Amino acid sequence: MAVRQKQLVLDTAYKHFKEFELPLDIDYKSYMNIVGPKDAIHAISVKRSFKAWKFLTHALKLKHPELGKKPEPPKPAPTPAPKAVKPSPLSKPAPAEEMDSADE
């Protein structure tokens, strides 16, 4: 019976950690505040199955290593290349424009 209870506590903890995206170094009080007292694993169940909260989190690290992976920060957007500087209308026209205007 104890093995089934231990597996049930571990599965419930995995579900909560995955659903709420909790870090594995969270303490029990913070866990209970985030998950809620009605849905959180009861402290007595943790004590009977794992003796302490730290052993439960260690078991989660071993059994589900994907929980320990930190999400990669998004890569910054590439900065746009500097725009080409357009000649101002007051500057001299290009040589091709001079020929066109001379023909007229």
PDB file of N, CA and C in Angstrom:
ATOM      1  N   MET A   1       0.825  -1.197   0.000  1.00  0.00           N
ATOM      2  CA  MET A   1       0.000   0.000   0.000  1.00  0.00           C
ATOM      3  C   MET A   1       0.861   1.250   0.000  1.00  0.00           C
ATOM      4  N   ALA A   2       1.985   1.215   0.679  1.00  0.00           N
ATOM      5  CA  ALA A   2       2.832   2.401   0.783  1.00  0.00           C
ATOM      6  C   ALA A   2       3.434   2.777  -0.566  1.00  0.00           C
ATOM      7  N   VAL A   3       3.757   1.792  -1.384  1.00  0.00           N
ATOM      8  CA  VAL A   3       4.349   2.078  -2.693  1.00  0.00           C
ATOM      9  C   VAL A   3       3.337   2.782  -3.582  1.00  0.00           C
ATOM     10  N   ARG A   4       2.096   2.322  -3.538  1.00  0.00           N
ATOM     11  CA  ARG A   4       1.057   2.978  -4.343  1.00  0.00           C
ATOM     12  C   ARG A   4       0.809   4.404  -3.870  1.00  0.00           C
ATOM     13  N   GLN A   5       0.804   4.609  -2.571  1.00  0.00           N
ATOM     14  CA  GLN A   5       0.607   5.953  -2.026  1.00  0.00           C
ATOM     15  C   GLN A   5       1.763   6.856  -2.432  1.00  0.00           C
ATOM     16  N   LYS A   6       2.983   6.333  -2.373  1.00  0.00           N
ATOM     17  CA  LYS A   6       4.161   7.112  -2.751  1.00  0.00           C
ATOM     18  C   LYS A   6       4.094   7.498  -4.224  1.00  0.00           C
ATOM     19  N   GLN A   7       3.679   6.560  -5.078  1.00  0.00           N
ATOM     20  CA  GLN A   7       3.562   6.846  -6.511  1.00  0.00           C
ATOM     21  C   GLN A   7       2.445   7.851  -6.770  1.00  0.00           C
ATOM     22  N   LEU A   8       1.364   7.758  -6.043  1.00  0.00           N
ATOM     23  CA  LEU A   8       0.262   8.710  -6.199  1.00  0.00           C
ATOM     24  C   LEU A   8       0.711  10.121  -5.820  1.00  0.00           C
ATOM     25  N   VAL A   9       1.440  10.255  -4.729  1.00  0.00           N
ATOM     26  CA  VAL A   9       1.947  11.567  -4.306  1.00  0.00           C
ATOM     27  C   VAL A   9       2.917  12.104  -5.346  1.00  0.00           C
ATOM     28  N   LEU A  10       3.785  11.256  -5.874  1.00  0.00           N
ATOM     29  CA  LEU A  10       4.758  11.674  -6.882  1.00  0.00           C
ATOM     30  C   LEU A  10       4.058  12.110  -8.171  1.00  0.00           C
ATOM     31  N   ASP A  11       3.053  11.352  -8.600  1.00  0.00           N
ATOM     32  CA  ASP A  11       2.319  11.715  -9.815  1.00  0.00           C
ATOM     33  C   ASP A  11       1.548  13.020  -9.642  1.00  0.00           C
ATOM     34  N   THR A  12       0.947  13.204  -8.484  1.00  0.00           N
ATOM     35  CA  THR A  12       0.221  14.445  -8.215  1.00  0.00           C
ATOM     36  C   THR A  12       1.175  15.638  -8.191  1.00  0.00           C
ATOM     37  N   ALA A  13       2.315  15.457  -7.567  1.00  0.00           N
ATOM     38  CA  ALA A  13       3.303  16.538  -7.529  1.00  0.00           C
ATOM     39  C   ALA A  13       3.794  16.863  -8.934  1.00  0.00           C
ATOM     40  N   TYR A  14       4.034  15.837  -9.748  1.00  0.00           N
ATOM     41  CA  TYR A  14       4.474  16.066 -11.130  1.00  0.00           C
ATOM     42  C   TYR A  14       3.430  16.859 -11.903  1.00  0.00           C
ATOM     43  N   LYS A  15       2.160  16.492 -11.727  1.00  0.00           N
ATOM     44  CA  LYS A  15       1.083  17.194 -12.414  1.00  0.00           C
ATOM     45  C   LYS A  15       1.049  18.674 -12.005  1.00  0.00           C
ATOM     46  N   HIS A  16       1.190  18.945 -10.718  1.00  0.00           N
ATOM     47  CA  HIS A  16       1.163  20.330 -10.232  1.00  0.00           C
ATOM     48  C   HIS A  16       2.382  21.113 -10.710  1.00  0.00           C
ATOM     49  N   PHE A  17       3.564  20.504 -10.641  1.00  0.00           N
ATOM     50  CA  PHE A  17       4.773  21.200 -11.062  1.00  0.00           C
ATOM     51  C   PHE A  17       4.720  21.522 -12.550  1.00  0.00           C
ATOM     52  N   LYS A  18       4.177  20.601 -13.343  1.00  0.00           N
ATOM     53  CA  LYS A  18       4.089  20.828 -14.789  1.00  0.00           C
ATOM     54  C   LYS A  18       3.013  21.872 -15.108  1.00  0.00           C
ATOM     55  N   GLU A  19       1.871  21.762 -14.464  1.00  0.00           N
ATOM     56  CA  GLU A  19       0.742  22.655 -14.738  1.00  0.00           C
ATOM     57  C   GLU A  19       1.049  24.099 -14.346  1.00  0.00           C
ATOM     58  N   PHE A  20       1.631  24.286 -13.169  1.00  0.00           N
ATOM     59  CA  PHE A  20       1.899  25.632 -12.668  1.00  0.00           C
ATOM     60  C   PHE A  20       3.315  26.106 -12.988  1.00  0.00           C
ATOM     61  N   GLU A  21       4.106  25.262 -13.692  1.00  0.00           N
ATOM     62  CA  GLU A  21       5.482  25.578 -14.078  1.00  0.00           C
ATOM     63  C   GLU A  21       6.304  26.032 -12.862  1.00  0.00           C
ATOM     64  N   LEU A  22       6.289  25.214 -11.841  1.00  0.00           N
ATOM     65  CA  LEU A  22       6.984  25.522 -10.597  1.00  0.00           C
ATOM     66  C   LEU A  22       8.453  25.099 -10.682  1.00  0.00           C
ATOM     67  N   PRO A  23       9.343  25.847 -10.049  1.00  0.00           N
ATOM     68  CA  PRO A  23      10.747  25.416  -9.998  1.00  0.00           C
ATOM     69  C   PRO A  23      10.907  24.294  -8.979  1.00  0.00           C
ATOM     70  N   LEU A  24      11.920  23.472  -9.161  1.00  0.00           N
ATOM     71  CA  LEU A  24      12.117  22.337  -8.257  1.00  0.00           C
ATOM     72  C   LEU A  24      12.710  22.736  -6.913  1.00  0.00           C
ATOM     73  N   ASP A  25      13.153  23.971  -6.788  1.00  0.00           N
ATOM     74  CA  ASP A  25      13.721  24.408  -5.507  1.00  0.00           C
ATOM     75  C   ASP A  25      12.710  25.188  -4.658  1.00  0.00           C
ATOM     76  N   ILE A  26      11.448  25.054  -4.956  1.00  0.00           N
ATOM     77  CA  ILE A  26      10.401  25.765  -4.219  1.00  0.00           C
ATOM     78  C   ILE A  26      10.173  25.067  -2.873  1.00  0.00           C
ATOM     79  N   ASP A  27       9.831  25.842  -1.855  1.00  0.00           N
ATOM     80  CA  ASP A  27       9.535  25.234  -0.561  1.00  0.00           C
ATOM     81  C   ASP A  27       8.037  24.911  -0.493  1.00  0.00           C
ATOM     82  N   TYR A  28       7.665  24.137   0.518  1.00  0.00           N
ATOM     83  CA  TYR A  28       6.290  23.639   0.601  1.00  0.00           C
ATOM     84  C   TYR A  28       5.276  24.765   0.785  1.00  0.00           C
ATOM     85  N   LYS A  29       5.600  25.758   1.592  1.00  0.00           N
ATOM     86  CA  LYS A  29       4.649  26.846   1.847  1.00  0.00           C
ATOM     87  C   LYS A  29       4.349  27.620   0.567  1.00  0.00           C
ATOM     88  N   SER A  30       5.365  27.896  -0.223  1.00  0.00           N
ATOM     89  CA  SER A  30       5.159  28.601  -1.488  1.00  0.00           C
ATOM     90  C   SER A  30       4.354  27.740  -2.459  1.00  0.00           C
ATOM     91  N   TYR A  31       4.672  26.454  -2.476  1.00  0.00           N
ATOM     92  CA  TYR A  31       3.918  25.513  -3.321  1.00  0.00           C
ATOM     93  C   TYR A  31       2.439  25.541  -2.965  1.00  0.00           C
ATOM     94  N   MET A  32       2.156  25.487  -1.666  1.00  0.00           N
ATOM     95  CA  MET A  32       0.769  25.460  -1.231  1.00  0.00           C
ATOM     96  C   MET A  32       0.054  26.779  -1.556  1.00  0.00           C
ATOM     97  N   ASN A  33       0.755  27.906  -1.453  1.00  0.00           N
ATOM     98  CA  ASN A  33       0.142  29.189  -1.788  1.00  0.00           C
ATOM     99  C   ASN A  33      -0.183  29.277  -3.278  1.00  0.00           C
ATOM    100  N   ILE A  34       0.676  28.719  -4.124  1.00  0.00           N
ATOM    101  CA  ILE A  34       0.455  28.801  -5.572  1.00  0.00           C
ATOM    102  C   ILE A  34      -0.635  27.829  -6.012  1.00  0.00           C
ATOM    103  N   VAL A  35      -0.545  26.584  -5.571  1.00  0.00           N
ATOM    104  CA  VAL A  35      -1.490  25.556  -6.009  1.00  0.00           C
ATOM    105  C   VAL A  35      -2.838  25.723  -5.327  1.00  0.00           C
ATOM    106  N   GLY A  36      -2.817  26.131  -4.100  1.00  0.00           N
ATOM    107  CA  GLY A  36      -4.050  26.292  -3.335  1.00  0.00           C
ATOM    108  C   GLY A  36      -4.170  25.185  -2.310  1.00  0.00           C
ATOM    109  N   PRO A  37      -4.693  25.511  -1.125  1.00  0.00           N
ATOM    110  CA  PRO A  37      -4.748  24.517  -0.056  1.00  0.00           C
ATOM    111  C   PRO A  37      -5.667  23.330  -0.359  1.00  0.00           C
ATOM    112  N   LYS A  38      -6.657  23.513  -1.198  1.00  0.00           N
ATOM    113  CA  LYS A  38      -7.566  22.408  -1.506  1.00  0.00           C
ATOM    114  C   LYS A  38      -6.926  21.401  -2.457  1.00  0.00           C
ATOM    115  N   ASP A  39      -6.133  21.875  -3.424  1.00  0.00           N
ATOM    116  CA  ASP A  39      -5.561  20.990  -4.429  1.00  0.00           C
ATOM    117  C   ASP A  39      -4.158  20.513  -4.079  1.00  0.00           C
ATOM    118  N   ALA A  40      -3.470  21.196  -3.191  1.00  0.00           N
ATOM    119  CA  ALA A  40      -2.083  20.844  -2.869  1.00  0.00           C
ATOM    120  C   ALA A  40      -2.006  19.504  -2.157  1.00  0.00           C
ATOM    121  N   ILE A  41      -0.860  18.871  -2.286  1.00  0.00           N
ATOM    122  CA  ILE A  41      -0.605  17.617  -1.574  1.00  0.00           C
ATOM    123  C   ILE A  41      -0.505  17.939  -0.093  1.00  0.00           C
ATOM    124  N   HIS A  42      -1.187  17.172   0.712  1.00  0.00           N
ATOM    125  CA  HIS A  42      -1.197  17.429   2.150  1.00  0.00           C
ATOM    126  C   HIS A  42       0.169  17.108   2.742  1.00  0.00           C
ATOM    127  N   ALA A  43       0.579  17.878   3.723  1.00  0.00           N
ATOM    128  CA  ALA A  43       1.893  17.708   4.351  1.00  0.00           C
ATOM    129  C   ALA A  43       2.042  16.330   4.988  1.00  0.00           C
ATOM    130  N   ILE A  44       0.957  15.776   5.516  1.00  0.00           N
ATOM    131  CA  ILE A  44       1.012  14.451   6.128  1.00  0.00           C
ATOM    132  C   ILE A  44       1.314  13.392   5.062  1.00  0.00           C
ATOM    133  N   SER A  45       0.735  13.548   3.872  1.00  0.00           N
ATOM    134  CA  SER A  45       1.002  12.597   2.785  1.00  0.00           C
ATOM    135  C   SER A  45       2.463  12.656   2.356  1.00  0.00           C
ATOM    136  N   VAL A  46       3.005  13.849   2.306  1.00  0.00           N
ATOM    137  CA  VAL A  46       4.419  14.005   1.953  1.00  0.00           C
ATOM    138  C   VAL A  46       5.286  13.355   3.027  1.00  0.00           C
ATOM    139  N   LYS A  47       4.939  13.586   4.281  1.00  0.00           N
ATOM    140  CA  LYS A  47       5.733  13.034   5.379  1.00  0.00           C
ATOM    141  C   LYS A  47       5.684  11.506   5.402  1.00  0.00           C
ATOM    142  N   ARG A  48       4.519  10.926   5.168  1.00  0.00           N
ATOM    143  CA  ARG A  48       4.386   9.462   5.191  1.00  0.00           C
ATOM    144  C   ARG A  48       5.094   8.807   4.006  1.00  0.00           C
ATOM    145  N   SER A  49       5.069   9.474   2.856  1.00  0.00           N
ATOM    146  CA  SER A  49       5.641   8.871   1.656  1.00  0.00           C
ATOM    147  C   SER A  49       7.128   9.151   1.488  1.00  0.00           C
ATOM    148  N   PHE A  50       7.537  10.387   1.752  1.00  0.00           N
ATOM    149  CA  PHE A  50       8.908  10.798   1.461  1.00  0.00           C
ATOM    150  C   PHE A  50       9.671  11.323   2.671  1.00  0.00           C
ATOM    151  N   LYS A  51       9.047  11.405   3.822  1.00  0.00           N
ATOM    152  CA  LYS A  51       9.629  11.889   5.070  1.00  0.00           C
ATOM    153  C   LYS A  51       9.831  13.395   5.102  1.00  0.00           C
ATOM    154  N   ALA A  52      10.101  14.028   3.954  1.00  0.00           N
ATOM    155  CA  ALA A  52      10.284  15.483   3.915  1.00  0.00           C
ATOM    156  C   ALA A  52      10.058  15.977   2.491  1.00  0.00           C
ATOM    157  N   TRP A  53       9.757  17.264   2.367  1.00  0.00           N
ATOM    158  CA  TRP A  53       9.496  17.890   1.072  1.00  0.00           C
ATOM    159  C   TRP A  53      10.719  17.808   0.161  1.00  0.00           C
ATOM    160  N   LYS A  54      11.912  17.944   0.730  1.00  0.00           N
ATOM    161  CA  LYS A  54      13.123  17.944  -0.089  1.00  0.00           C
ATOM    162  C   LYS A  54      13.330  16.590  -0.768  1.00  0.00           C
ATOM    163  N   PHE A  55      12.887  15.508  -0.137  1.00  0.00           N
ATOM    164  CA  PHE A  55      13.014  14.189  -0.758  1.00  0.00           C
ATOM    165  C   PHE A  55      12.010  14.012  -1.890  1.00  0.00           C
ATOM    166  N   LEU A  56      10.858  14.633  -1.762  1.00  0.00           N
ATOM    167  CA  LEU A  56       9.874  14.605  -2.852  1.00  0.00           C
ATOM    168  C   LEU A  56      10.413  15.351  -4.067  1.00  0.00           C
ATOM    169  N   THR A  57      10.970  16.531  -3.844  1.00  0.00           N
ATOM    170  CA  THR A  57      11.508  17.294  -4.987  1.00  0.00           C
ATOM    171  C   THR A  57      12.701  16.577  -5.607  1.00  0.00           C
ATOM    172  N   HIS A  58      13.503  15.900  -4.794  1.00  0.00           N
ATOM    173  CA  HIS A  58      14.624  15.121  -5.334  1.00  0.00           C
ATOM    174  C   HIS A  58      14.109  13.957  -6.179  1.00  0.00           C
ATOM    175  N   ALA A  59      13.061  13.295  -5.723  1.00  0.00           N
ATOM    176  CA  ALA A  59      12.465  12.205  -6.497  1.00  0.00           C
ATOM    177  C   ALA A  59      11.905  12.718  -7.819  1.00  0.00           C
ATOM    178  N   LEU A  60      11.330  13.917  -7.809  1.00  0.00           N
ATOM    179  CA  LEU A  60      10.839  14.517  -9.058  1.00  0.00           C
ATOM    180  C   LEU A  60      11.988  14.788 -10.024  1.00  0.00           C
ATOM    181  N   LYS A  61      13.127  15.253  -9.494  1.00  0.00           N
ATOM    182  CA  LYS A  61      14.296  15.499 -10.350  1.00  0.00           C
ATOM    183  C   LYS A  61      14.772  14.211 -11.008  1.00  0.00           C
ATOM    184  N   LEU A  62      14.760  13.116 -10.247  1.00  0.00           N
ATOM    185  CA  LEU A  62      15.234  11.839 -10.791  1.00  0.00           C
ATOM    186  C   LEU A  62      14.229  11.207 -11.751  1.00  0.00           C
ATOM    187  N   LYS A  63      12.979  11.238 -11.382  1.00  0.00           N
ATOM    188  CA  LYS A  63      11.940  10.560 -12.165  1.00  0.00           C
ATOM    189  C   LYS A  63      11.540  11.354 -13.409  1.00  0.00           C
ATOM    190  N   HIS A  64      11.537  12.693 -13.306  1.00  0.00           N
ATOM    191  CA  HIS A  64      11.109  13.562 -14.406  1.00  0.00           C
ATOM    192  C   HIS A  64      12.162  14.657 -14.621  1.00  0.00           C
ATOM    193  N   PRO A  65      13.248  14.332 -15.317  1.00  0.00           N
ATOM    194  CA  PRO A  65      14.326  15.323 -15.480  1.00  0.00           C
ATOM    195  C   PRO A  65      13.934  16.529 -16.324  1.00  0.00           C
ATOM    196  N   GLU A  66      12.862  16.423 -17.112  1.00  0.00           N
ATOM    197  CA  GLU A  66      12.451  17.570 -17.934  1.00  0.00           C
ATOM    198  C   GLU A  66      11.935  18.729 -17.079  1.00  0.00           C
ATOM    199  N   LEU A  67      11.555  18.462 -15.830  1.00  0.00           N
ATOM    200  CA  LEU A  67      11.116  19.542 -14.940  1.00  0.00           C
ATOM    201  C   LEU A  67      12.281  20.436 -14.540  1.00  0.00           C
ATOM    202  N   GLY A  68      13.478  19.886 -14.496  1.00  0.00           N
ATOM    203  CA  GLY A  68      14.638  20.645 -14.058  1.00  0.00           C
ATOM    204  C   GLY A  68      15.210  21.546 -15.138  1.00  0.00           C
ATOM    205  N   LYS A  69      14.817  21.328 -16.387  1.00  0.00           N
ATOM    206  CA  LYS A  69      15.355  22.142 -17.480  1.00  0.00           C
ATOM    207  C   LYS A  69      14.715  23.511 -17.449  1.00  0.00           C
ATOM    208  N   LYS A  70      15.559  24.500 -17.496  1.00  0.00           N
ATOM    209  CA  LYS A  70      15.074  25.877 -17.529  1.00  0.00           C
ATOM    210  C   LYS A  70      14.707  26.231 -18.964  1.00  0.00           C
ATOM    211  N   PRO A  71      13.616  26.957 -19.177  1.00  0.00           N
ATOM    212  CA  PRO A  71      13.299  27.383 -20.538  1.00  0.00           C
ATOM    213  C   PRO A  71      14.356  28.365 -21.028  1.00  0.00           C
ATOM    214  N   GLU A  72      14.742  28.203 -22.280  1.00  0.00           N
ATOM    215  CA  GLU A  72      15.751  29.090 -22.849  1.00  0.00           C
ATOM    216  C   GLU A  72      15.152  30.474 -23.050  1.00  0.00           C
ATOM    217  N   PRO A  73      15.900  31.505 -22.718  1.00  0.00           N
ATOM    218  CA  PRO A  73      15.375  32.856 -22.938  1.00  0.00           C
ATOM    219  C   PRO A  73      15.274  33.123 -24.433  1.00  0.00           C
ATOM    220  N   PRO A  74      14.281  33.877 -24.841  1.00  0.00           N
ATOM    221  CA  PRO A  74      14.132  34.149 -26.267  1.00  0.00           C
ATOM    222  C   PRO A  74      15.305  34.962 -26.788  1.00  0.00           C
ATOM    223  N   LYS A  75      15.677  34.662 -28.018  1.00  0.00           N
ATOM    224  CA  LYS A  75      16.787  35.390 -28.626  1.00  0.00           C
ATOM    225  C   LYS A  75      16.318  36.805 -28.957  1.00  0.00           C
ATOM    226  N   PRO A  76      17.180  37.803 -28.768  1.00  0.00           N
ATOM    227  CA  PRO A  76      16.767  39.164 -29.094  1.00  0.00           C
ATOM    228  C   PRO A  76      16.577  39.307 -30.600  1.00  0.00           C
ATOM    229  N   ALA A  77      15.645  40.145 -30.971  1.00  0.00           N
ATOM    230  CA  ALA A  77      15.360  40.374 -32.382  1.00  0.00           C
ATOM    231  C   ALA A  77      16.566  41.053 -33.030  1.00  0.00           C
ATOM    232  N   PRO A  78      16.883  40.644 -34.242  1.00  0.00           N
ATOM    233  CA  PRO A  78      18.030  41.277 -34.900  1.00  0.00           C
ATOM    234  C   PRO A  78      17.741  42.750 -35.181  1.00  0.00           C
ATOM    235  N   THR A  79      18.746  43.557 -35.009  1.00  0.00           N
ATOM    236  CA  THR A  79      18.558  44.980 -35.261  1.00  0.00           C
ATOM    237  C   THR A  79      18.541  45.214 -36.762  1.00  0.00           C
ATOM    238  N   PRO A  80      17.662  46.067 -37.241  1.00  0.00           N
ATOM    239  CA  PRO A  80      17.596  46.311 -38.686  1.00  0.00           C
ATOM    240  C   PRO A  80      18.870  47.012 -39.163  1.00  0.00           C
ATOM    241  N   ALA A  81      19.219  46.703 -40.407  1.00  0.00           N
ATOM    242  CA  ALA A  81      20.405  47.328 -40.997  1.00  0.00           C
ATOM    243  C   ALA A  81      20.140  48.818 -41.170  1.00  0.00           C
ATOM    244  N   PRO A  82      21.176  49.638 -41.068  1.00  0.00           N
ATOM    245  CA  PRO A  82      20.950  51.071 -41.253  1.00  0.00           C
ATOM    246  C   PRO A  82      20.479  51.362 -42.669  1.00  0.00           C
ATOM    247  N   LYS A  83      19.526  52.239 -42.752  1.00  0.00           N
ATOM    248  CA  LYS A  83      18.951  52.576 -44.059  1.00  0.00           C
ATOM    249  C   LYS A  83      19.942  53.417 -44.856  1.00  0.00           C
ATOM    250  N   ALA A  84      19.852  53.243 -46.174  1.00  0.00           N
ATOM    251  CA  ALA A  84      20.721  54.030 -47.050  1.00  0.00           C
ATOM    252  C   ALA A  84      20.292  55.492 -46.977  1.00  0.00           C
ATOM    253  N   VAL A  85      21.254  56.353 -46.978  1.00  0.00           N
ATOM    254  CA  VAL A  85      20.977  57.786 -46.890  1.00  0.00           C
ATOM    255  C   VAL A  85      20.565  58.281 -48.264  1.00  0.00           C
ATOM    256  N   LYS A  86      19.379  58.863 -48.324  1.00  0.00           N
ATOM    257  CA  LYS A  86      18.891  59.412 -49.597  1.00  0.00           C
ATOM    258  C   LYS A  86      19.490  60.801 -49.780  1.00  0.00           C
ATOM    259  N   PRO A  87      19.868  61.120 -51.012  1.00  0.00           N
ATOM    260  CA  PRO A  87      20.396  62.467 -51.241  1.00  0.00           C
ATOM    261  C   PRO A  87      19.287  63.507 -51.068  1.00  0.00           C
ATOM    262  N   SER A  88      19.630  64.600 -50.525  1.00  0.00           N
ATOM    263  CA  SER A  88      18.630  65.640 -50.320  1.00  0.00           C
ATOM    264  C   SER A  88      18.307  66.289 -51.669  1.00  0.00           C
ATOM    265  N   PRO A  89      17.131  66.824 -51.825  1.00  0.00           N
ATOM    266  CA  PRO A  89      16.748  67.424 -53.111  1.00  0.00           C
ATOM    267  C   PRO A  89      17.597  68.662 -53.441  1.00  0.00           C
ATOM    268  N   LEU A  90      18.273  69.226 -52.492  1.00  0.00           N
ATOM    269  CA  LEU A  90      19.085  70.409 -52.748  1.00  0.00           C
ATOM    270  C   LEU A  90      20.465  70.047 -53.298  1.00  0.00           C
ATOM    271  N   SER A  91      20.822  68.765 -53.192  1.00  0.00           N
ATOM    272  CA  SER A  91      22.139  68.389 -53.697  1.00  0.00           C
ATOM    273  C   SER A  91      22.122  68.309 -55.219  1.00  0.00           C
ATOM    274  N   LYS A  92      23.293  68.198 -55.799  1.00  0.00           N
ATOM    275  CA  LYS A  92      23.399  68.148 -57.265  1.00  0.00           C
ATOM    276  C   LYS A  92      22.764  66.877 -57.784  1.00  0.00           C
ATOM    277  N   PRO A  93      22.105  66.926 -58.941  1.00  0.00           N
ATOM    278  CA  PRO A  93      21.501  65.735 -59.510  1.00  0.00           C
ATOM    279  C   PRO A  93      22.587  64.779 -60.022  1.00  0.00           C
ATOM    280  N   ALA A  94      22.220  63.534 -60.154  1.00  0.00           N
ATOM    281  CA  ALA A  94      23.143  62.528 -60.649  1.00  0.00           C
ATOM    282  C   ALA A  94      23.474  62.809 -62.111  1.00  0.00           C
ATOM    283  N   PRO A  95      24.590  62.321 -62.633  1.00  0.00           N
ATOM    284  CA  PRO A  95      24.971  62.599 -64.015  1.00  0.00           C
ATOM    285  C   PRO A  95      23.929  62.121 -65.023  1.00  0.00           C
ATOM    286  N   ALA A  96      23.243  61.007 -64.780  1.00  0.00           N
ATOM    287  CA  ALA A  96      22.229  60.528 -65.723  1.00  0.00           C
ATOM    288  C   ALA A  96      21.078  61.519 -65.800  1.00  0.00           C
ATOM    289  N   GLU A  97      20.718  62.121 -64.704  1.00  0.00           N
ATOM    290  CA  GLU A  97      19.638  63.095 -64.694  1.00  0.00           C
ATOM    291  C   GLU A  97      20.052  64.366 -65.433  1.00  0.00           C
ATOM    292  N   GLU A  98      21.322  64.705 -65.363  1.00  0.00           N
ATOM    293  CA  GLU A  98      21.784  65.896 -66.059  1.00  0.00           C
ATOM    294  C   GLU A  98      21.639  65.717 -67.558  1.00  0.00           C
ATOM    295  N   MET A  99      21.925  64.539 -68.088  1.00  0.00           N
ATOM    296  CA  MET A  99      21.801  64.300 -69.521  1.00  0.00           C
ATOM    297  C   MET A  99      20.348  64.354 -69.949  1.00  0.00           C
ATOM    298  N   ASP A 100      19.446  63.782 -69.166  1.00  0.00           N
ATOM    299  CA  ASP A 100      18.044  63.815 -69.522  1.00  0.00           C
ATOM    300  C   ASP A 100      17.517  65.241 -69.529  1.00  0.00           C
ATOM    301  N   SER A 101      17.922  66.016 -68.554  1.00  0.00           N
ATOM    302  CA  SER A 101      17.418  67.379 -68.497  1.00  0.00           C
ATOM    303  C   SER A 101      18.058  68.244 -69.578  1.00  0.00           C
ATOM    304  N   ALA A 102      19.273  67.921 -70.063  1.00  0.00           N
ATOM    305  CA  ALA A 102      19.915  68.687 -71.132  1.00  0.00           C
ATOM    306  C   ALA A 102      19.233  68.430 -72.456  1.00  0.00           C
ATOM    307  N   ASP A 103      18.655  67.262 -72.707  1.00  0.00           N
ATOM    308  CA  ASP A 103      17.999  66.931 -73.943  1.00  0.00           C
ATOM    309  C   ASP A 103      16.699  67.708 -74.087  1.00  0.00           C
ATOM    310  N   GLU A 104      16.118  68.119 -73.062  1.00  0.00           N
ATOM    311  CA  GLU A 104      14.826  68.789 -73.137  1.00  0.00           C
ATOM    312  C   GLU A 104      14.940  70.183 -73.534  1.00  0.00           C
TER     313      GLU A 104
END
